Amino acid sequence: MTGGTIGKGYIQVYTGNGKGKTTASLGLAVRAAGHGLRTVIIQFMKGWIDYGELAGAAMLSPFVTIHQAGRDTFVNRKNPDPEDLRLARGGWELAKETILGGKADIVVLDEINCAVDFGLLPVAEVLDLLRKKPDGMEIVLTGRGAHEEIVAVADLVTEMREIKHYYARGIDARVGVER
């Protein structure tokens, strides 16, 4: 581990159809950085250079780093592009190396629930890695559609539920708020 101790370390899941899953994990990373803890964030199914969190994380370096493992386009759920599969696999290998190597205090697997749901990663591999989590490391899994087996092994599960969203009125993602 790196900067400090968080005790045992737990597995957290942020899921649901509401806004705020990635944002919550980034808030955790900022809080951890304030205590000298190192957070590695691996963003599955994301590869767009204009996400504000990339520039923000650079300001928090070396305490927060983000790695993207996706393209800047939507993944076809029924027929994923081979490049989407390759990038997800690359992100997964980095996740295993980071977790098993104890290279962070907190590891955020952003949108991994979607990657599993879309068939880019097998749930059995994710569960196997979660069972090997080192003590003293927190792991956060975000994204809609968390698999029931991932929910079962988690210590904390938060469901973000959409009640009302301005997207329904045709408002696009805004710089600094949604991206």
C-alpha atoms as a PDB file:
ATOM      1  CA  MET A   1       0.000   0.000   0.000  1.00  0.00           C
ATOM      2  CA  THR A   2       0.965   3.598  -0.189  1.00  0.00           C
ATOM      3  CA  GLY A   3       0.095   6.643   1.936  1.00  0.00           C
ATOM      4  CA  GLY A   4      -1.809   5.384   4.948  1.00  0.00           C
ATOM      5  CA  THR A   5      -4.113   2.755   6.306  1.00  0.00           C
ATOM      6  CA  ILE A   6      -7.835   2.358   5.860  1.00  0.00           C
ATOM      7  CA  GLY A   7      -8.150  -0.670   8.082  1.00  0.00           C
ATOM      8  CA  LYS A   8      -9.486  -3.887   6.564  1.00  0.00           C
ATOM      9  CA  GLY A   9     -10.709  -2.324   3.339  1.00  0.00           C
ATOM     10  CA  TYR A  10     -14.105  -3.116   1.868  1.00  0.00           C
ATOM     11  CA  ILE A  11     -15.855  -3.691  -1.442  1.00  0.00           C
ATOM     12  CA  GLN A  12     -18.292  -0.960  -2.460  1.00  0.00           C
ATOM     13  CA  VAL A  13     -20.768  -0.979  -5.352  1.00  0.00           C
ATOM     14  CA  TYR A  14     -22.432   2.136  -6.788  1.00  0.00           C
ATOM     15  CA  THR A  15     -25.145   1.106  -9.231  1.00  0.00           C
ATOM     16  CA  GLY A  16     -28.600   2.094 -10.484  1.00  0.00           C
ATOM     17  CA  ASN A  17     -30.054   4.190 -13.287  1.00  0.00           C
ATOM     18  CA  GLY A  18     -29.521   7.535 -11.560  1.00  0.00           C
ATOM     19  CA  LYS A  19     -26.743  10.064 -12.057  1.00  0.00           C
ATOM     20  CA  GLY A  20     -23.781  10.158  -9.680  1.00  0.00           C
ATOM     21  CA  LYS A  21     -22.020   6.797  -9.583  1.00  0.00           C
ATOM     22  CA  THR A  22     -18.728   7.936 -11.118  1.00  0.00           C
ATOM     23  CA  THR A  23     -19.018  11.267  -9.329  1.00  0.00           C
ATOM     24  CA  ALA A  24     -19.338   9.512  -5.955  1.00  0.00           C
ATOM     25  CA  SER A  25     -16.233   7.434  -6.631  1.00  0.00           C
ATOM     26  CA  LEU A  26     -14.304  10.559  -7.634  1.00  0.00           C
ATOM     27  CA  GLY A  27     -15.394  12.244  -4.414  1.00  0.00           C
ATOM     28  CA  LEU A  28     -14.009   9.294  -2.490  1.00  0.00           C
ATOM     29  CA  ALA A  29     -10.710   9.644  -4.389  1.00  0.00           C
ATOM     30  CA  VAL A  30     -10.494  13.359  -3.523  1.00  0.00           C
ATOM     31  CA  ARG A  31     -11.189  12.614   0.140  1.00  0.00           C
ATOM     32  CA  ALA A  32      -8.550   9.862   0.161  1.00  0.00           C
ATOM     33  CA  ALA A  33      -5.977  12.138  -1.507  1.00  0.00           C
ATOM     34  CA  GLY A  34      -6.520  14.610   1.316  1.00  0.00           C
ATOM     35  CA  HIS A  35      -5.258  11.916   3.678  1.00  0.00           C
ATOM     36  CA  GLY A  36      -2.295  10.915   1.513  1.00  0.00           C
ATOM     37  CA  LEU A  37      -3.939   7.765   0.149  1.00  0.00           C
ATOM     38  CA  ARG A  38      -3.397   6.648  -3.429  1.00  0.00           C
ATOM     39  CA  THR A  39      -6.405   5.906  -5.665  1.00  0.00           C
ATOM     40  CA  VAL A  40      -6.197   4.236  -9.062  1.00  0.00           C
ATOM     41  CA  ILE A  41      -9.293   4.606 -11.227  1.00  0.00           C
ATOM     42  CA  ILE A  42      -9.744   2.375 -14.253  1.00  0.00           C
ATOM     43  CA  GLN A  43     -12.577   3.542 -16.492  1.00  0.00           C
ATOM     44  CA  PHE A  44     -14.081   0.716 -18.526  1.00  0.00           C
ATOM     45  CA  MET A  45     -16.012   1.612 -21.684  1.00  0.00           C
ATOM     46  CA  LYS A  46     -14.706   5.200 -21.549  1.00  0.00           C
ATOM     47  CA  GLY A  47     -12.069   6.673 -23.814  1.00  0.00           C
ATOM     48  CA  TRP A  48     -12.971  10.282 -24.363  1.00  0.00           C
ATOM     49  CA  ILE A  49     -10.292  12.864 -23.628  1.00  0.00           C
ATOM     50  CA  ASP A  50     -12.714  15.657 -22.662  1.00  0.00           C
ATOM     51  CA  TYR A  51     -13.889  14.195 -19.337  1.00  0.00           C
ATOM     52  CA  GLY A  52     -13.198  16.808 -16.670  1.00  0.00           C
ATOM     53  CA  GLU A  53     -12.102  14.173 -14.188  1.00  0.00           C
ATOM     54  CA  LEU A  54      -8.997  13.491 -16.281  1.00  0.00           C
ATOM     55  CA  ALA A  55      -7.718  17.052 -15.826  1.00  0.00           C
ATOM     56  CA  GLY A  56      -8.876  17.095 -12.208  1.00  0.00           C
ATOM     57  CA  ALA A  57      -7.044  13.873 -11.406  1.00  0.00           C
ATOM     58  CA  ALA A  58      -3.883  15.286 -12.972  1.00  0.00           C
ATOM     59  CA  MET A  59      -4.088  18.091 -10.391  1.00  0.00           C
ATOM     60  CA  LEU A  60      -4.256  15.475  -7.632  1.00  0.00           C
ATOM     61  CA  SER A  61      -1.287  13.490  -8.923  1.00  0.00           C
ATOM     62  CA  PRO A  62       0.377  11.373  -7.624  1.00  0.00           C
ATOM     63  CA  PHE A  63      -2.505  10.535  -5.281  1.00  0.00           C
ATOM     64  CA  VAL A  64      -5.145   9.965  -7.984  1.00  0.00           C
ATOM     65  CA  THR A  65      -4.566   8.441 -11.406  1.00  0.00           C
ATOM     66  CA  ILE A  66      -7.104   7.534 -14.077  1.00  0.00           C
ATOM     67  CA  HIS A  67      -6.671   5.012 -16.868  1.00  0.00           C
ATOM     68  CA  GLN A  68      -9.261   4.677 -19.623  1.00  0.00           C
ATOM     69  CA  ALA A  69     -10.069   1.283 -21.106  1.00  0.00           C
ATOM     70  CA  GLY A  70     -12.547   2.071 -23.839  1.00  0.00           C
ATOM     71  CA  ARG A  71     -13.303   3.996 -27.003  1.00  0.00           C
ATOM     72  CA  ASP A  72     -15.003   7.362 -27.352  1.00  0.00           C
ATOM     73  CA  THR A  73     -18.173   5.757 -28.664  1.00  0.00           C
ATOM     74  CA  PHE A  74     -21.019   3.643 -27.324  1.00  0.00           C
ATOM     75  CA  VAL A  75     -20.575  -0.118 -27.132  1.00  0.00           C
ATOM     76  CA  ASN A  76     -23.035  -2.263 -29.090  1.00  0.00           C
ATOM     77  CA  ARG A  77     -24.517  -4.414 -26.338  1.00  0.00           C
ATOM     78  CA  LYS A  78     -25.665  -7.155 -28.714  1.00  0.00           C
ATOM     79  CA  ASN A  79     -22.510  -7.231 -30.839  1.00  0.00           C
ATOM     80  CA  PRO A  80     -19.499  -5.584 -29.162  1.00  0.00           C
ATOM     81  CA  ASP A  81     -16.715  -4.494 -31.478  1.00  0.00           C
ATOM     82  CA  PRO A  82     -13.531  -6.579 -31.088  1.00  0.00           C
ATOM     83  CA  GLU A  83     -11.749  -3.349 -30.111  1.00  0.00           C
ATOM     84  CA  ASP A  84     -14.159  -2.894 -27.192  1.00  0.00           C
ATOM     85  CA  LEU A  85     -13.362  -6.420 -26.031  1.00  0.00           C
ATOM     86  CA  ARG A  86      -9.612  -5.821 -26.400  1.00  0.00           C
ATOM     87  CA  LEU A  87      -9.701  -2.539 -24.481  1.00  0.00           C
ATOM     88  CA  ALA A  88     -11.835  -4.019 -21.682  1.00  0.00           C
ATOM     89  CA  ARG A  89      -9.387  -6.912 -21.393  1.00  0.00           C
ATOM     90  CA  GLY A  90      -6.478  -4.457 -21.189  1.00  0.00           C
ATOM     91  CA  GLY A  91      -8.238  -2.524 -18.426  1.00  0.00           C
ATOM     92  CA  TRP A  92      -8.940  -5.775 -16.648  1.00  0.00           C
ATOM     93  CA  GLU A  93      -5.279  -6.817 -16.770  1.00  0.00           C
ATOM     94  CA  LEU A  94      -4.330  -3.425 -15.293  1.00  0.00           C
ATOM     95  CA  ALA A  95      -6.958  -3.898 -12.571  1.00  0.00           C
ATOM     96  CA  LYS A  96      -5.554  -7.306 -11.644  1.00  0.00           C
ATOM     97  CA  GLU A  97      -1.988  -5.973 -11.594  1.00  0.00           C
ATOM     98  CA  THR A  98      -2.997  -2.980  -9.465  1.00  0.00           C
ATOM     99  CA  ILE A  99      -5.076  -4.974  -6.975  1.00  0.00           C
ATOM    100  CA  LEU A 100      -2.902  -8.064  -6.608  1.00  0.00           C
ATOM    101  CA  GLY A 101       0.255  -5.949  -6.578  1.00  0.00           C
ATOM    102  CA  GLY A 102      -1.092  -3.723  -3.793  1.00  0.00           C
ATOM    103  CA  LYS A 103      -0.355  -0.638  -5.903  1.00  0.00           C
ATOM    104  CA  ALA A 104      -3.116   1.527  -4.410  1.00  0.00           C
ATOM    105  CA  ASP A 105      -5.106   2.072  -1.260  1.00  0.00           C
ATOM    106  CA  ILE A 106      -8.331   2.448  -3.255  1.00  0.00           C
ATOM    107  CA  VAL A 107      -9.093   0.974  -6.670  1.00  0.00           C
ATOM    108  CA  VAL A 108     -12.124   2.244  -8.547  1.00  0.00           C
ATOM    109  CA  LEU A 109     -13.354   0.016 -11.366  1.00  0.00           C
ATOM    110  CA  ASP A 110     -15.527   2.625 -13.042  1.00  0.00           C
ATOM    111  CA  GLU A 111     -18.316   1.240 -15.253  1.00  0.00           C
ATOM    112  CA  ILE A 112     -17.157  -2.338 -14.673  1.00  0.00           C
ATOM    113  CA  ASN A 113     -20.740  -3.323 -13.882  1.00  0.00           C
ATOM    114  CA  CYS A 114     -21.679  -2.259 -17.420  1.00  0.00           C
ATOM    115  CA  ALA A 115     -18.659  -4.055 -18.891  1.00  0.00           C
ATOM    116  CA  VAL A 116     -19.831  -7.272 -17.218  1.00  0.00           C
ATOM    117  CA  ASP A 117     -23.459  -6.660 -18.213  1.00  0.00           C
ATOM    118  CA  PHE A 118     -22.430  -6.073 -21.851  1.00  0.00           C
ATOM    119  CA  GLY A 119     -20.386  -9.297 -21.904  1.00  0.00           C
ATOM    120  CA  LEU A 120     -16.992  -7.583 -22.187  1.00  0.00           C
ATOM    121  CA  LEU A 121     -15.750  -9.237 -18.997  1.00  0.00           C
ATOM    122  CA  PRO A 122     -16.886 -12.472 -17.334  1.00  0.00           C
ATOM    123  CA  VAL A 123     -18.470 -12.035 -13.902  1.00  0.00           C
ATOM    124  CA  ALA A 124     -16.579 -15.128 -12.660  1.00  0.00           C
ATOM    125  CA  GLU A 125     -13.228 -13.369 -13.209  1.00  0.00           C
ATOM    126  CA  VAL A 126     -14.412 -10.250 -11.395  1.00  0.00           C
ATOM    127  CA  LEU A 127     -15.648 -12.306  -8.444  1.00  0.00           C
ATOM    128  CA  ASP A 128     -12.383 -14.246  -8.306  1.00  0.00           C
ATOM    129  CA  LEU A 129     -10.363 -11.029  -8.125  1.00  0.00           C
ATOM    130  CA  LEU A 130     -12.654  -9.529  -5.473  1.00  0.00           C
ATOM    131  CA  ARG A 131     -12.111 -12.626  -3.318  1.00  0.00           C
ATOM    132  CA  LYS A 132      -8.331 -12.052  -3.589  1.00  0.00           C
ATOM    133  CA  LYS A 133      -8.534  -8.394  -2.511  1.00  0.00           C
ATOM    134  CA  PRO A 134      -5.651  -7.567  -0.178  1.00  0.00           C
ATOM    135  CA  ASP A 135      -6.507  -6.395   3.328  1.00  0.00           C
ATOM    136  CA  GLY A 136      -6.171  -2.642   3.632  1.00  0.00           C
ATOM    137  CA  MET A 137      -7.439  -1.975   0.098  1.00  0.00           C
ATOM    138  CA  GLU A 138     -10.848  -0.532  -0.768  1.00  0.00           C
ATOM    139  CA  ILE A 139     -12.382  -1.540  -4.107  1.00  0.00           C
ATOM    140  CA  VAL A 140     -15.251   0.394  -5.689  1.00  0.00           C
ATOM    141  CA  LEU A 141     -17.242  -0.965  -8.635  1.00  0.00           C
ATOM    142  CA  THR A 142     -19.506   1.478 -10.473  1.00  0.00           C
ATOM    143  CA  GLY A 143     -22.041   1.293 -13.277  1.00  0.00           C
ATOM    144  CA  ARG A 144     -25.623   0.388 -13.961  1.00  0.00           C
ATOM    145  CA  GLY A 145     -26.790  -3.197 -13.801  1.00  0.00           C
ATOM    146  CA  ALA A 146     -24.507  -4.585 -11.093  1.00  0.00           C
ATOM    147  CA  HIS A 147     -24.558  -8.369 -11.309  1.00  0.00           C
ATOM    148  CA  GLU A 148     -26.385 -10.002  -8.398  1.00  0.00           C
ATOM    149  CA  GLU A 149     -23.292 -12.031  -7.475  1.00  0.00           C
ATOM    150  CA  ILE A 150     -21.181  -8.864  -7.263  1.00  0.00           C
ATOM    151  CA  VAL A 151     -23.854  -7.267  -5.075  1.00  0.00           C
ATOM    152  CA  ALA A 152     -23.780 -10.368  -2.851  1.00  0.00           C
ATOM    153  CA  VAL A 153     -20.013 -10.192  -2.175  1.00  0.00           C
ATOM    154  CA  ALA A 154     -19.965  -6.396  -1.659  1.00  0.00           C
ATOM    155  CA  ASP A 155     -19.823  -4.854   1.798  1.00  0.00           C
ATOM    156  CA  LEU A 156     -21.631  -1.665   0.759  1.00  0.00           C
ATOM    157  CA  VAL A 157     -24.083  -1.238  -2.115  1.00  0.00           C
ATOM    158  CA  THR A 158     -25.606   2.095  -3.051  1.00  0.00           C
ATOM    159  CA  GLU A 159     -28.266   2.334  -5.738  1.00  0.00           C
ATOM    160  CA  MET A 160     -28.600   5.695  -7.453  1.00  0.00           C
ATOM    161  CA  ARG A 161     -32.233   5.944  -8.546  1.00  0.00           C
ATOM    162  CA  GLU A 162     -33.378   8.429 -11.137  1.00  0.00           C
ATOM    163  CA  ILE A 163     -36.468  10.302 -10.077  1.00  0.00           C
ATOM    164  CA  LYS A 164     -36.173  13.192 -12.519  1.00  0.00           C
ATOM    165  CA  HIS A 165     -33.465  14.137 -15.032  1.00  0.00           C
ATOM    166  CA  TYR A 166     -33.106  17.095 -17.390  1.00  0.00           C
ATOM    167  CA  TYR A 167     -31.882  14.744 -20.147  1.00  0.00           C
ATOM    168  CA  ALA A 168     -35.566  13.940 -20.642  1.00  0.00           C
ATOM    169  CA  ARG A 169     -36.020  17.588 -21.700  1.00  0.00           C
ATOM    170  CA  GLY A 170     -33.262  17.233 -24.310  1.00  0.00           C
ATOM    171  CA  ILE A 171     -30.458  18.858 -22.316  1.00  0.00           C
ATOM    172  CA  ASP A 172     -27.061  17.479 -23.352  1.00  0.00           C
ATOM    173  CA  ALA A 173     -24.163  16.596 -21.054  1.00  0.00           C
ATOM    174  CA  ARG A 174     -22.597  19.800 -19.761  1.00  0.00           C
ATOM    175  CA  VAL A 175     -18.900  20.543 -19.321  1.00  0.00           C
ATOM    176  CA  GLY A 176     -17.935  20.369 -15.665  1.00  0.00           C
ATOM    177  CA  VAL A 177     -21.204  18.764 -14.588  1.00  0.00           C
ATOM    178  CA  GLU A 178     -21.712  15.554 -16.602  1.00  0.00           C
ATOM    179  CA  ARG A 179     -18.362  15.430 -18.349  1.00  0.00           C
END
